[in-house]
Protein backbone atom coordinates (compact mmCIF):
# COMPACT_ATOMS: atom_id res chain seq x y z
CA MET A 1 34.74 15.61 -28.16
CA TYR A 2 32.89 16.71 -24.89
CA GLU A 3 29.51 18.17 -24.77
CA SER A 4 28.59 20.52 -21.72
CA ILE A 5 26.31 19.91 -19.32
CA ASN A 6 24.34 22.29 -17.98
CA ILE A 7 23.21 22.72 -14.47
CA GLU A 8 20.77 24.69 -12.59
CA ILE A 9 21.45 24.91 -8.90
CA GLU A 10 17.91 25.97 -6.34
CA ASN A 11 17.62 27.00 -2.93
CA ILE A 12 16.16 24.21 -0.61
CA ASP A 13 16.28 25.53 2.56
CA HIS A 14 12.56 24.62 2.91
CA LEU A 15 13.34 21.33 3.35
CA GLY A 16 14.26 21.77 6.66
CA ILE A 17 10.77 23.48 7.25
CA ILE A 18 8.69 20.42 5.96
CA ALA A 19 11.59 18.10 7.98
CA GLY A 20 10.07 19.75 11.12
CA ILE A 21 6.33 19.08 10.25
CA VAL A 22 6.88 15.87 9.73
CA ASP A 23 8.57 15.00 12.83
CA GLU A 24 5.68 17.26 14.90
CA VAL A 25 3.08 15.63 13.08
CA GLY A 26 4.76 11.85 13.41
CA ILE A 27 4.16 10.88 9.69
CA VAL A 28 7.71 8.65 10.11
CA GLU A 29 5.60 6.77 12.68
CA ILE A 30 2.75 6.56 10.55
CA VAL A 31 3.62 4.57 7.90
CA ASN A 32 5.64 2.35 9.83
CA GLN A 33 3.10 1.27 11.52
CA LYS A 34 0.87 1.20 7.94
CA LEU A 35 3.80 -0.92 6.23
CA PRO A 36 4.76 -4.38 6.92
CA SER A 37 7.45 -5.30 8.80
CA TYR A 38 9.84 -8.04 7.37
CA PRO A 39 11.11 -10.81 9.67
CA ILE A 40 14.93 -9.81 8.32
CA ARG A 41 15.39 -6.40 8.19
CA LEU A 42 17.34 -5.35 5.15
CA HIS A 43 17.21 -1.47 5.38
CA ILE A 44 19.48 0.28 7.86
CA ILE A 45 16.45 3.02 8.07
CA SER A 46 13.26 2.16 8.62
CA CYS A 47 10.24 3.12 5.24
CA GLY A 48 8.94 6.06 7.11
CA TRP A 49 12.12 7.55 6.75
CA GLU A 50 12.90 6.45 3.13
CA ILE A 51 9.72 8.38 2.24
């Protein structure tokens, strides 16, 4: 009746390091400068943060 599901769990501790580098380099600001801004913002967060 029910199928068993295999779940794989991975440790993602390195994401904090990556987030720190992204912040230090200013990647979010660079992306926000390069992408067009729209007169009506439909997003709660910027395109740079989405990436």
